[in-house]
Amino acid sequence: MTEDHVRLDQLLLASERAEGTVEESAYASFRHDLLRHIGMEEKVLLPLARARRGGEPLEIAPALRRDHGEIAKLLVRAPSRANNDRLRELLGTHNQLEEGPDGLYATCDALADEEAKSVVERLQLQPRVPLAPYYDGPLHSRR
């Protein structure tokens, strides 16, 4: 999953043109793959950790879910350089919660133990994500 972060960063960078515009096909690949990556975490890793901890979610789970929601909101919008800059900033801090010796991935790897291979298979089997058209109207906000 850490390697996927690097690949996603490269896709985001590939979508940026020198004149400040965004190349649509590269951005579409980035958008899809990032949403699929989030799905892997939300549908496989976080439930695995919770189950292995007797129903107790990881302490970082609320922060991860909050970030995932913010990322998804940004991915709803049509691509722009400003949006890409915000995504890069958010992903920079978010990825630190997942990587490293105390991150989501190391924790899940330790919790999976002898099931690690089947967890990886479940991650790989996550389906493609259907993408909705971009929406640049007002977004719902929590009160």
C-alpha atoms as a PDB file:
ATOM      1  CA  MET A   1       0.000   0.000   0.000  1.00  0.00           C
ATOM      2  CA  THR A   2       2.919   2.347   0.650  1.00  0.00           C
ATOM      3  CA  GLU A   3       4.134   1.686  -2.890  1.00  0.00           C
ATOM      4  CA  ASP A   4       0.657   2.607  -4.093  1.00  0.00           C
ATOM      5  CA  HIS A   5       1.045   6.001  -2.382  1.00  0.00           C
ATOM      6  CA  VAL A   6       4.157   6.602  -4.499  1.00  0.00           C
ATOM      7  CA  ARG A   7       2.318   5.540  -7.666  1.00  0.00           C
ATOM      8  CA  LEU A   8      -0.630   7.800  -6.836  1.00  0.00           C
ATOM      9  CA  ASP A   9       1.712  10.746  -6.191  1.00  0.00           C
ATOM     10  CA  GLN A  10       3.277  10.126  -9.612  1.00  0.00           C
ATOM     11  CA  LEU A  11      -0.160  10.067 -11.283  1.00  0.00           C
ATOM     12  CA  LEU A  12      -1.096  13.357  -9.656  1.00  0.00           C
ATOM     13  CA  LEU A  13       2.179  14.904 -10.783  1.00  0.00           C
ATOM     14  CA  ALA A  14       1.673  13.540 -14.317  1.00  0.00           C
ATOM     15  CA  SER A  15      -1.688  15.290 -14.496  1.00  0.00           C
ATOM     16  CA  GLU A  16      -0.124  18.722 -14.018  1.00  0.00           C
ATOM     17  CA  ARG A  17       0.914  20.724 -17.043  1.00  0.00           C
ATOM     18  CA  ALA A  18       3.561  23.448 -16.950  1.00  0.00           C
ATOM     19  CA  GLU A  19       1.062  26.186 -17.784  1.00  0.00           C
ATOM     20  CA  GLY A  20      -0.993  25.396 -14.672  1.00  0.00           C
ATOM     21  CA  THR A  21      -3.718  23.329 -16.280  1.00  0.00           C
ATOM     22  CA  VAL A  22      -4.564  19.713 -15.529  1.00  0.00           C
ATOM     23  CA  GLU A  23      -4.324  16.886 -18.058  1.00  0.00           C
ATOM     24  CA  GLU A  24      -7.704  15.142 -17.838  1.00  0.00           C
ATOM     25  CA  SER A  25      -6.828  11.510 -18.632  1.00  0.00           C
ATOM     26  CA  ALA A  26      -3.970  11.355 -16.109  1.00  0.00           C
ATOM     27  CA  TYR A  27      -6.159  13.055 -13.509  1.00  0.00           C
ATOM     28  CA  ALA A  28      -9.013  10.616 -14.202  1.00  0.00           C
ATOM     29  CA  SER A  29      -6.639   7.695 -13.566  1.00  0.00           C
ATOM     30  CA  PHE A  30      -5.421   9.341 -10.364  1.00  0.00           C
ATOM     31  CA  ARG A  31      -8.997  10.024  -9.216  1.00  0.00           C
ATOM     32  CA  HIS A  32     -10.150   6.475  -9.847  1.00  0.00           C
ATOM     33  CA  ASP A  33      -7.108   4.816  -8.336  1.00  0.00           C
ATOM     34  CA  LEU A  34      -7.136   7.012  -5.227  1.00  0.00           C
ATOM     35  CA  LEU A  35     -10.806   6.244  -4.595  1.00  0.00           C
ATOM     36  CA  ARG A  36     -10.090   2.525  -5.038  1.00  0.00           C
ATOM     37  CA  HIS A  37      -7.143   2.812  -2.641  1.00  0.00           C
ATOM     38  CA  ILE A  38      -9.389   4.477  -0.049  1.00  0.00           C
ATOM     39  CA  GLY A  39     -11.909   1.671  -0.586  1.00  0.00           C
ATOM     40  CA  MET A  40      -9.214  -0.889   0.175  1.00  0.00           C
ATOM     41  CA  GLU A  41      -8.501   0.800   3.479  1.00  0.00           C
ATOM     42  CA  GLU A  42     -12.142   1.354   4.420  1.00  0.00           C
ATOM     43  CA  LYS A  43     -13.446  -2.057   3.336  1.00  0.00           C
ATOM     44  CA  VAL A  44     -10.512  -4.319   4.174  1.00  0.00           C
ATOM     45  CA  LEU A  45      -7.875  -2.835   6.488  1.00  0.00           C
ATOM     46  CA  LEU A  46      -9.938  -0.864   8.993  1.00  0.00           C
ATOM     47  CA  PRO A  47     -12.492  -3.691   9.457  1.00  0.00           C
ATOM     48  CA  LEU A  48      -9.639  -6.210   9.810  1.00  0.00           C
ATOM     49  CA  ALA A  49      -8.021  -4.128  12.550  1.00  0.00           C
ATOM     50  CA  ARG A  50     -11.303  -3.660  14.368  1.00  0.00           C
ATOM     51  CA  ALA A  51     -12.115  -7.380  14.222  1.00  0.00           C
ATOM     52  CA  ARG A  52      -8.648  -8.394  15.401  1.00  0.00           C
ATOM     53  CA  ARG A  53      -8.920  -5.963  18.299  1.00  0.00           C
ATOM     54  CA  GLY A  54     -12.145  -7.483  19.582  1.00  0.00           C
ATOM     55  CA  GLY A  55     -14.367  -4.810  18.049  1.00  0.00           C
ATOM     56  CA  GLU A  56     -12.213  -1.887  19.183  1.00  0.00           C
ATOM     57  CA  PRO A  57     -11.298   0.410  16.268  1.00  0.00           C
ATOM     58  CA  LEU A  58      -7.796   1.744  15.874  1.00  0.00           C
ATOM     59  CA  GLU A  59      -7.163   5.062  17.566  1.00  0.00           C
ATOM     60  CA  ILE A  60      -6.297   6.602  14.194  1.00  0.00           C
ATOM     61  CA  ALA A  61      -9.463   5.321  12.481  1.00  0.00           C
ATOM     62  CA  PRO A  62     -11.511   8.525  13.033  1.00  0.00           C
ATOM     63  CA  ALA A  63      -8.705  10.686  11.610  1.00  0.00           C
ATOM     64  CA  LEU A  64      -8.313   8.374   8.613  1.00  0.00           C
ATOM     65  CA  ARG A  65     -12.042   8.431   7.911  1.00  0.00           C
ATOM     66  CA  ARG A  66     -12.185  12.211   8.267  1.00  0.00           C
ATOM     67  CA  ASP A  67      -9.307  12.555   5.788  1.00  0.00           C
ATOM     68  CA  HIS A  68     -10.925  10.091   3.399  1.00  0.00           C
ATOM     69  CA  GLY A  69     -14.066  12.223   3.416  1.00  0.00           C
ATOM     70  CA  GLU A  70     -12.092  15.401   2.726  1.00  0.00           C
ATOM     71  CA  ILE A  71     -10.191  13.698  -0.090  1.00  0.00           C
ATOM     72  CA  ALA A  72     -13.440  12.428  -1.625  1.00  0.00           C
ATOM     73  CA  LYS A  73     -14.906  15.963  -1.509  1.00  0.00           C
ATOM     74  CA  LEU A  74     -11.906  17.260  -3.420  1.00  0.00           C
ATOM     75  CA  LEU A  75     -12.193  14.458  -5.981  1.00  0.00           C
ATOM     76  CA  VAL A  76     -15.817  15.417  -6.685  1.00  0.00           C
ATOM     77  CA  ARG A  77     -14.654  18.765  -8.048  1.00  0.00           C
ATOM     78  CA  ALA A  78     -13.425  19.286 -11.597  1.00  0.00           C
ATOM     79  CA  PRO A  79      -9.631  19.122 -11.708  1.00  0.00           C
ATOM     80  CA  SER A  80      -7.674  22.309 -11.176  1.00  0.00           C
ATOM     81  CA  ARG A  81      -4.159  23.166 -10.094  1.00  0.00           C
ATOM     82  CA  ALA A  82      -5.489  24.643  -6.830  1.00  0.00           C
ATOM     83  CA  ASN A  83      -7.417  21.438  -6.139  1.00  0.00           C
ATOM     84  CA  ASN A  84      -4.313  19.362  -6.879  1.00  0.00           C
ATOM     85  CA  ASP A  85      -2.278  21.504  -4.487  1.00  0.00           C
ATOM     86  CA  ARG A  86      -4.847  20.935  -1.727  1.00  0.00           C
ATOM     87  CA  LEU A  87      -4.911  17.180  -2.462  1.00  0.00           C
ATOM     88  CA  ARG A  88      -1.117  17.003  -2.294  1.00  0.00           C
ATOM     89  CA  GLU A  89      -1.112  18.839   1.030  1.00  0.00           C
ATOM     90  CA  LEU A  90      -3.821  16.627   2.512  1.00  0.00           C
ATOM     91  CA  LEU A  91      -2.253  13.409   1.223  1.00  0.00           C
ATOM     92  CA  GLY A  92       1.120  14.430   2.635  1.00  0.00           C
ATOM     93  CA  THR A  93      -0.213  14.496   6.188  1.00  0.00           C
ATOM     94  CA  HIS A  94      -2.682  11.647   5.689  1.00  0.00           C
ATOM     95  CA  ASN A  95      -0.106   9.208   4.328  1.00  0.00           C
ATOM     96  CA  GLN A  96       1.992   9.682   7.463  1.00  0.00           C
ATOM     97  CA  LEU A  97      -0.860   8.120   9.477  1.00  0.00           C
ATOM     98  CA  GLU A  98      -0.731   5.036   7.283  1.00  0.00           C
ATOM     99  CA  GLU A  99       2.987   4.555   6.734  1.00  0.00           C
ATOM    100  CA  GLY A 100       5.815   3.932   9.163  1.00  0.00           C
ATOM    101  CA  PRO A 101       6.277   1.564  12.083  1.00  0.00           C
ATOM    102  CA  ASP A 102       3.160   2.727  13.959  1.00  0.00           C
ATOM    103  CA  GLY A 103       0.974   3.421  10.913  1.00  0.00           C
ATOM    104  CA  LEU A 104      -2.123   1.672   9.635  1.00  0.00           C
ATOM    105  CA  TYR A 105      -0.210  -0.644   7.316  1.00  0.00           C
ATOM    106  CA  ALA A 106       2.312  -1.922   9.875  1.00  0.00           C
ATOM    107  CA  THR A 107      -0.453  -2.332  12.452  1.00  0.00           C
ATOM    108  CA  CYS A 108      -2.646  -4.299  10.048  1.00  0.00           C
ATOM    109  CA  ASP A 109       0.293  -6.404   8.939  1.00  0.00           C
ATOM    110  CA  ALA A 110       0.992  -7.363  12.549  1.00  0.00           C
ATOM    111  CA  LEU A 111      -2.695  -8.012  13.279  1.00  0.00           C
ATOM    112  CA  ALA A 112      -3.149 -10.123  10.128  1.00  0.00           C
ATOM    113  CA  ASP A 113      -0.297 -12.400  11.185  1.00  0.00           C
ATOM    114  CA  GLU A 114      -0.694 -15.708   9.320  1.00  0.00           C
ATOM    115  CA  GLU A 115      -3.608 -14.304   7.281  1.00  0.00           C
ATOM    116  CA  ALA A 116      -1.452 -11.623   5.649  1.00  0.00           C
ATOM    117  CA  LYS A 117      -1.496 -13.341   2.264  1.00  0.00           C
ATOM    118  CA  SER A 118      -5.296 -13.574   2.211  1.00  0.00           C
ATOM    119  CA  VAL A 119      -5.570  -9.922   3.272  1.00  0.00           C
ATOM    120  CA  VAL A 120      -3.373  -8.907   0.339  1.00  0.00           C
ATOM    121  CA  GLU A 121      -5.582 -10.988  -1.956  1.00  0.00           C
ATOM    122  CA  ARG A 122      -8.696  -9.236  -0.616  1.00  0.00           C
ATOM    123  CA  LEU A 123      -7.038  -5.873  -1.240  1.00  0.00           C
ATOM    124  CA  GLN A 124      -6.202  -6.853  -4.810  1.00  0.00           C
ATOM    125  CA  LEU A 125      -9.772  -8.036  -5.433  1.00  0.00           C
ATOM    126  CA  GLN A 126     -11.305  -4.674  -4.610  1.00  0.00           C
ATOM    127  CA  PRO A 127     -13.395  -3.688  -7.635  1.00  0.00           C
ATOM    128  CA  ARG A 128     -13.012  -0.735  -9.934  1.00  0.00           C
ATOM    129  CA  VAL A 129     -14.764   2.352  -8.652  1.00  0.00           C
ATOM    130  CA  PRO A 130     -17.604   3.819 -10.721  1.00  0.00           C
ATOM    131  CA  LEU A 131     -16.947   7.525 -11.131  1.00  0.00           C
ATOM    132  CA  ALA A 132     -19.679  10.142 -11.122  1.00  0.00           C
ATOM    133  CA  PRO A 133     -19.326  13.282 -13.229  1.00  0.00           C
ATOM    134  CA  TYR A 134     -17.588  16.211 -11.599  1.00  0.00           C
ATOM    135  CA  TYR A 135     -19.746  18.490  -9.478  1.00  0.00           C
ATOM    136  CA  ASP A 136     -18.706  22.063  -8.794  1.00  0.00           C
ATOM    137  CA  GLY A 137     -21.861  23.238  -7.068  1.00  0.00           C
ATOM    138  CA  PRO A 138     -22.291  23.739  -3.319  1.00  0.00           C
ATOM    139  CA  LEU A 139     -21.156  20.868  -1.127  1.00  0.00           C
ATOM    140  CA  HIS A 140     -23.032  19.509   1.849  1.00  0.00           C
ATOM    141  CA  SER A 141     -21.503  20.552   5.127  1.00  0.00           C
ATOM    142  CA  ARG A 142     -22.015  19.137   8.602  1.00  0.00           C
ATOM    143  CA  ARG A 143     -23.481  21.445  11.215  1.00  0.00           C
END
